[in-house]
Amino acid sequence: MGFSTYFLVVWDYINFARKSIIPVGPGRGSAAGSLVAYALGITNIDPIEHGLIFERFLNPSRNSMPDIDTDFSIDGREMVIEYVSMRYGHENVAQIATFNKLSSKAILKDMGKSGQVSASLLEKLSGMIPITRGKPASLNLMIVEDSPSMEFRQNYLMNSILKSVIDKSIKFEGMVKTTAVHAAGIVISSVKLDGIVPLCRGQKGLKNLSMIETVVNLVNHKYRNSILTIDSDCLKPHFDLPTYGLLARGDLEGIFQFDASYGMKDVVSEIRPNSIQDISSILALYRPGPLDAGLIPKFVTGKREEFAAI
């Protein structure tokens, strides 16, 4: 299946980044459960020590190919991309584009303004649209007989101007609003990409590692000495009690993968993580499957019973 080549390609550019003193993340996602990735130095998280499940990375029933998520600082990231492009060919390497679509809430407000609907009514109606796993319900769902908000449906049926606005909004809902560059996705092809996929230009990336790098540099500049260094290979998360306290309070702004939504903030505050295993569990549980199965309340209950027993 070509996994040996894939692992070696990933090892190649991570090795380049580390030799070039570019901040590299310790590894995240399902690849952290691979002992081969750990042995090669692709990740620095021991899957045996932390009881990580390899089958999340690769198993016979998985439909899609596994991937290895690797984070670089923004400044260093460009160097890594340039290295990969030079090594495998500029015409064979590209970043992945993402498409931001018009949600029901967004298009209702935009269309309502053009339809001269009052801002207060638009805000009220927008607040009636429920959000599930970060996605607002569709306008079509809001106007049917078993609508999650009968007040929304009544406004739609009784107000002819509003009905016209919502009907127009439905036609635009889901359309692509803007395009952007995926935070981490890179495609390396064996053939020229312009012959198999459409291409465009753009610049964006993960900023967390760059923020950390900038803070370190500013501190060292202020004191005119290299008093502060951060090596992800030497971090000891088991004993970082102040950070666990910060997470338990729900202070998640700027914390990668934790500041994505209010739902995540509620989950973290409820679980009150006090170990790296808890953090791993939160990231694994806050996904469509576990959320739909109601596993988070069960995890919270189990954690509190365990804590009470201690």
Protein backbone atom coordinates (compact mmCIF):
# COMPACT_ATOMS: atom_id res chain seq x y z
CA MET A 1 0.00 0.00 0.00
CA GLY A 2 3.02 2.28 -0.10
CA PHE A 3 3.14 3.04 3.61
CA SER A 4 6.92 2.67 3.87
CA THR A 5 7.40 5.41 1.25
CA TYR A 6 4.79 7.60 2.92
CA PHE A 7 6.47 7.31 6.33
CA LEU A 8 9.86 8.10 4.84
CA VAL A 9 8.58 11.18 3.00
CA VAL A 10 7.04 12.51 6.22
CA TRP A 11 10.22 11.71 8.15
CA ASP A 12 12.24 13.52 5.48
CA TYR A 13 10.59 16.93 5.82
CA ILE A 14 10.28 16.69 9.61
CA ASN A 15 13.96 15.85 9.79
CA PHE A 16 14.70 18.89 7.58
CA ALA A 17 12.62 21.13 9.87
CA ARG A 18 14.37 19.99 13.03
CA LYS A 19 17.81 20.38 11.49
CA SER A 20 16.80 23.87 10.36
CA ILE A 21 15.69 24.82 13.94
CA ILE A 22 12.08 25.17 12.84
CA PRO A 23 9.52 24.62 15.64
CA VAL A 24 7.80 21.28 15.05
CA GLY A 25 4.75 20.00 16.90
CA PRO A 26 5.10 16.76 18.87
CA GLY A 27 2.51 15.00 16.71
CA ARG A 28 -1.26 14.83 16.99
CA GLY A 29 -4.21 12.94 15.64
CA SER A 30 -4.39 9.23 15.02
CA ALA A 31 -0.71 9.01 13.95
CA ALA A 32 0.26 9.37 17.61
CA GLY A 33 -0.88 5.77 18.04
CA SER A 34 1.73 4.47 15.58
CA LEU A 35 4.87 2.97 17.10
CA VAL A 36 6.65 3.25 13.73
CA ALA A 37 5.99 7.01 13.66
CA TYR A 38 7.40 7.29 17.19
CA ALA A 39 10.46 5.17 16.37
CA LEU A 40 11.24 7.31 13.31
CA GLY A 41 10.91 10.53 15.29
CA ILE A 42 7.86 11.68 13.33
CA THR A 43 6.04 11.96 16.67
CA ASN A 44 7.56 12.15 20.13
CA ILE A 45 4.62 10.66 22.01
CA ASP A 46 5.15 7.08 23.16
CA PRO A 47 1.91 5.28 22.20
CA ILE A 48 2.65 2.39 24.56
CA GLU A 49 3.17 4.61 27.59
CA HIS A 50 -0.02 6.54 26.93
CA GLY A 51 -2.12 3.58 25.80
CA LEU A 52 -2.93 5.08 22.39
CA ILE A 53 -4.91 2.92 20.00
CA PHE A 54 -3.15 2.07 16.73
CA GLU A 55 -6.42 1.12 15.05
CA ARG A 56 -7.48 4.77 15.00
CA PHE A 57 -4.60 5.28 12.57
CA LEU A 58 -5.00 2.16 10.46
CA ASN A 59 -7.46 -0.72 10.50
CA PRO A 60 -9.04 -3.05 7.89
CA SER A 61 -12.45 -1.35 8.03
CA ARG A 62 -11.12 2.18 7.50
CA ASN A 63 -12.27 3.54 4.13
CA SER A 64 -9.84 6.45 3.84
CA MET A 65 -6.07 6.36 3.86
CA PRO A 66 -4.40 7.35 7.16
CA ASP A 67 -2.67 10.69 7.47
CA ILE A 68 0.00 12.14 9.72
CA ASP A 69 -0.76 15.66 11.00
CA THR A 70 2.37 17.72 11.57
CA ASP A 71 2.49 21.34 12.75
CA PHE A 72 5.16 23.91 11.92
CA SER A 73 5.41 27.60 12.81
CA ILE A 74 4.14 29.91 10.06
CA ASP A 75 7.58 31.34 9.24
CA GLY A 76 9.28 27.95 9.29
CA ARG A 77 6.36 26.32 7.54
CA GLU A 78 7.11 28.24 4.35
CA MET A 79 10.66 26.90 4.48
CA VAL A 80 9.38 23.34 4.82
CA ILE A 81 6.97 23.78 1.90
CA GLU A 82 9.77 25.22 -0.23
CA TYR A 83 12.01 22.30 0.72
CA VAL A 84 9.32 19.78 -0.21
CA SER A 85 8.64 21.64 -3.47
CA MET A 86 12.30 21.64 -4.44
CA ARG A 87 12.76 17.99 -3.48
CA TYR A 88 9.66 16.62 -5.22
CA GLY A 89 9.07 19.33 -7.84
CA HIS A 90 7.26 22.68 -7.64
CA GLU A 91 4.64 21.49 -10.12
CA ASN A 92 3.94 18.41 -8.01
CA VAL A 93 3.37 20.07 -4.62
CA ALA A 94 0.44 22.23 -3.45
CA GLN A 95 -1.54 23.13 -0.36
CA ILE A 96 -5.18 22.10 0.00
CA ALA A 97 -7.94 24.68 -0.49
CA THR A 98 -10.97 24.93 1.81
CA PHE A 99 -14.38 26.37 1.01
CA ASN A 100 -16.38 28.44 3.49
CA LYS A 101 -20.10 28.19 2.78
CA LEU A 102 -23.00 30.49 3.61
CA SER A 103 -24.71 29.18 6.74
CA SER A 104 -28.39 29.66 7.47
CA LYS A 105 -27.66 32.31 10.10
CA ALA A 106 -25.26 34.26 7.89
CA ILE A 107 -27.38 34.29 4.74
CA LEU A 108 -30.54 35.18 6.69
CA LYS A 109 -28.86 38.28 8.12
CA ASP A 110 -27.28 39.30 4.81
CA MET A 111 -30.46 38.78 2.79
CA GLY A 112 -32.60 40.39 5.48
CA LYS A 113 -30.58 43.60 5.38
CA SER A 114 -31.12 43.89 1.64
CA GLY A 115 -34.82 43.12 2.16
CA GLN A 116 -35.20 45.93 4.71
CA VAL A 117 -36.03 43.60 7.59
CA SER A 118 -35.24 45.18 10.96
CA ALA A 119 -31.88 44.22 12.46
CA SER A 120 -33.54 43.35 15.79
CA LEU A 121 -35.91 40.86 14.13
CA LEU A 122 -33.08 39.29 12.14
CA GLU A 123 -31.04 38.91 15.31
CA LYS A 124 -34.01 37.36 17.10
CA LEU A 125 -34.69 34.89 14.29
CA SER A 126 -31.02 33.99 14.00
CA GLY A 127 -30.99 33.18 17.71
CA MET A 128 -33.86 30.73 17.18
CA ILE A 129 -31.80 28.60 14.80
CA PRO A 130 -30.28 25.76 16.87
CA ILE A 131 -26.65 24.76 16.45
CA THR A 132 -25.62 21.11 16.45
CA ARG A 133 -21.88 20.26 16.58
CA GLY A 134 -21.03 23.78 15.49
CA LYS A 135 -23.42 23.81 12.50
CA PRO A 136 -26.67 25.81 12.49
CA ALA A 137 -29.85 24.09 11.33
CA SER A 138 -30.91 24.73 7.73
CA LEU A 139 -33.61 27.25 6.89
CA ASN A 140 -35.61 24.50 5.22
CA LEU A 141 -35.74 22.67 8.54
CA MET A 142 -36.81 25.83 10.36
CA ILE A 143 -39.98 26.32 8.27
CA VAL A 144 -41.40 22.78 8.17
CA GLU A 145 -44.29 21.62 10.39
CA ASP A 146 -41.99 19.99 12.96
CA SER A 147 -39.62 22.96 13.02
CA PRO A 148 -37.32 23.11 16.08
CA SER A 149 -38.71 26.63 16.59
CA MET A 150 -42.43 27.13 15.99
CA GLU A 151 -41.99 30.86 16.60
CA PHE A 152 -39.57 31.01 13.66
CA ARG A 153 -42.07 29.17 11.47
CA GLN A 154 -44.93 31.45 12.54
CA ASN A 155 -42.90 34.52 11.63
CA TYR A 156 -42.20 32.95 8.25
CA LEU A 157 -45.90 32.18 7.60
CA MET A 158 -47.35 35.46 8.90
CA ASN A 159 -44.85 38.04 7.59
CA SER A 160 -44.89 38.21 3.78
CA ILE A 161 -41.72 40.32 3.55
CA LEU A 162 -39.87 37.96 5.86
CA LYS A 163 -41.19 34.95 3.94
CA SER A 164 -39.78 36.38 0.73
CA VAL A 165 -36.40 37.00 2.40
CA ILE A 166 -36.23 33.46 3.81
CA ASP A 167 -37.28 31.90 0.49
CA LYS A 168 -34.48 33.78 -1.26
CA SER A 169 -32.03 32.89 1.49
CA ILE A 170 -32.77 29.19 1.05
CA LYS A 171 -31.61 29.42 -2.58
CA PHE A 172 -28.24 30.83 -1.49
CA GLU A 173 -27.71 28.79 1.67
CA GLY A 174 -24.79 26.39 1.31
CA MET A 175 -23.15 28.27 -1.55
CA VAL A 176 -19.42 28.89 -1.33
CA LYS A 177 -18.73 32.29 0.22
CA THR A 178 -14.95 32.37 0.34
CA THR A 179 -11.98 30.11 -0.28
CA ALA A 180 -8.96 29.71 1.95
CA VAL A 181 -5.89 27.56 2.37
CA HIS A 182 -6.11 24.51 4.61
CA ALA A 183 -4.18 25.03 7.82
CA ALA A 184 -1.97 21.99 7.34
CA GLY A 185 -2.84 19.98 4.23
CA ILE A 186 -0.14 19.46 1.59
CA VAL A 187 -0.45 17.36 -1.56
CA ILE A 188 2.66 15.73 -3.05
CA SER A 189 1.87 14.19 -6.41
CA SER A 190 3.82 11.89 -8.70
CA VAL A 191 2.59 13.94 -11.68
CA LYS A 192 2.04 17.64 -12.39
CA LEU A 193 -0.94 18.83 -10.38
CA ASP A 194 -2.29 21.27 -12.95
CA GLY A 195 -3.18 18.32 -15.13
CA ILE A 196 -5.43 16.64 -12.56
CA VAL A 197 -6.89 19.31 -10.23
CA PRO A 198 -7.75 23.04 -10.36
CA LEU A 199 -5.21 25.25 -8.60
CA CYS A 200 -5.22 28.71 -6.98
CA ARG A 201 -2.92 30.84 -4.84
CA GLY A 202 -3.32 31.77 -1.18
CA GLN A 203 -1.51 32.20 2.14
CA LYS A 204 -2.64 31.06 5.56
CA GLY A 205 -1.53 28.65 8.24
CA LEU A 206 -1.48 27.53 11.83
CA LYS A 207 -0.24 30.35 14.05
CA ASN A 208 0.10 28.73 17.48
CA LEU A 209 3.70 27.57 17.07
CA SER A 210 4.63 30.97 15.64
CA MET A 211 3.03 32.70 18.64
CA ILE A 212 5.07 30.52 21.00
CA GLU A 213 8.23 31.19 19.02
CA THR A 214 7.56 34.96 19.05
CA VAL A 215 6.96 35.00 22.83
CA VAL A 216 10.23 33.14 23.44
CA ASN A 217 12.12 35.57 21.22
CA LEU A 218 10.55 38.64 22.87
CA VAL A 219 11.40 37.41 26.39
CA ASN A 220 14.98 36.64 25.41
CA HIS A 221 15.32 40.01 23.66
CA LYS A 222 14.01 41.89 26.70
CA TYR A 223 16.51 40.26 29.06
CA ARG A 224 19.29 40.19 26.44
CA ASN A 225 19.88 36.55 27.17
CA SER A 226 18.56 33.16 26.07
CA ILE A 227 16.87 32.57 29.41
CA LEU A 228 13.82 30.93 27.86
CA THR A 229 13.74 27.94 25.54
CA ILE A 230 10.90 25.58 24.72
CA ASP A 231 11.66 22.11 23.43
CA SER A 232 8.53 20.05 22.84
CA ASP A 233 10.61 16.89 23.23
CA CYS A 234 11.34 17.83 26.84
CA LEU A 235 7.94 19.04 28.02
CA LYS A 236 6.53 17.30 31.10
CA PRO A 237 2.74 17.70 30.86
CA HIS A 238 2.11 15.25 33.72
CA PHE A 239 3.25 17.81 36.30
CA ASP A 240 1.92 21.07 34.81
CA LEU A 241 -0.81 21.66 37.39
CA PRO A 242 -1.27 25.42 36.70
CA THR A 243 -2.07 24.68 33.06
CA TYR A 244 -4.62 22.02 34.00
CA GLY A 245 -6.20 24.57 36.33
CA LEU A 246 -6.44 27.05 33.47
CA LEU A 247 -8.17 24.46 31.28
CA ALA A 248 -10.58 23.48 34.05
CA ARG A 249 -11.68 27.14 34.34
CA GLY A 250 -12.53 27.17 30.64
CA ASP A 251 -9.81 29.70 29.70
CA LEU A 252 -9.33 28.24 26.23
CA GLU A 253 -8.74 31.32 24.07
CA GLY A 254 -5.80 30.72 21.74
CA ILE A 255 -5.37 27.07 22.75
CA PHE A 256 -5.16 24.95 19.61
CA GLN A 257 -8.14 22.65 19.03
CA PHE A 258 -9.78 23.77 22.29
CA ASP A 259 -10.94 27.28 21.35
CA ALA A 260 -12.97 26.17 18.32
CA SER A 261 -16.48 26.44 19.81
CA TYR A 262 -18.55 27.12 22.91
CA GLY A 263 -19.43 23.44 22.97
CA MET A 264 -15.80 22.49 23.46
CA LYS A 265 -15.48 25.04 26.27
CA ASP A 266 -18.45 23.48 28.06
CA VAL A 267 -17.01 19.98 27.67
CA VAL A 268 -13.58 20.97 29.00
CA SER A 269 -15.10 22.83 31.95
CA GLU A 270 -17.28 19.81 32.77
CA ILE A 271 -14.50 17.22 32.50
CA ARG A 272 -11.91 19.44 34.26
CA PRO A 273 -8.83 17.69 32.82
CA ASN A 274 -5.95 17.00 35.17
CA SER A 275 -3.77 14.80 32.98
CA ILE A 276 -2.55 14.48 29.42
CA GLN A 277 -4.79 11.41 29.13
CA ASP A 278 -7.84 13.58 29.90
CA ILE A 279 -6.84 16.02 27.17
CA SER A 280 -6.46 13.16 24.69
CA SER A 281 -9.86 11.82 25.72
CA ILE A 282 -11.55 15.22 25.22
CA LEU A 283 -10.18 15.56 21.70
CA ALA A 284 -11.24 12.01 20.89
CA LEU A 285 -14.73 12.44 22.38
CA TYR A 286 -15.55 15.80 20.79
CA ARG A 287 -16.30 14.25 17.43
CA PRO A 288 -19.57 13.47 15.64
CA GLY A 289 -19.66 9.75 16.51
CA PRO A 290 -18.98 10.00 20.26
CA LEU A 291 -21.20 13.10 20.56
CA ASP A 292 -24.13 11.34 18.91
CA ALA A 293 -23.58 8.27 21.11
CA GLY A 294 -23.69 10.37 24.29
CA LEU A 295 -20.25 9.22 25.43
CA ILE A 296 -19.18 12.52 27.00
CA PRO A 297 -21.67 12.38 29.93
CA LYS A 298 -20.61 8.77 30.53
CA PHE A 299 -16.95 9.80 30.55
CA VAL A 300 -17.66 12.66 32.97
CA THR A 301 -19.55 10.31 35.30
CA GLY A 302 -16.76 7.74 35.21
CA LYS A 303 -14.10 10.36 35.88
CA ARG A 304 -15.95 11.80 38.87
CA GLU A 305 -16.56 8.35 40.34
CA GLU A 306 -12.87 7.54 39.91
CA PHE A 307 -11.91 10.84 41.59
CA ALA A 308 -14.35 10.21 44.46
CA ALA A 309 -12.87 6.75 45.01
CA ILE A 310 -9.40 8.27 45.35
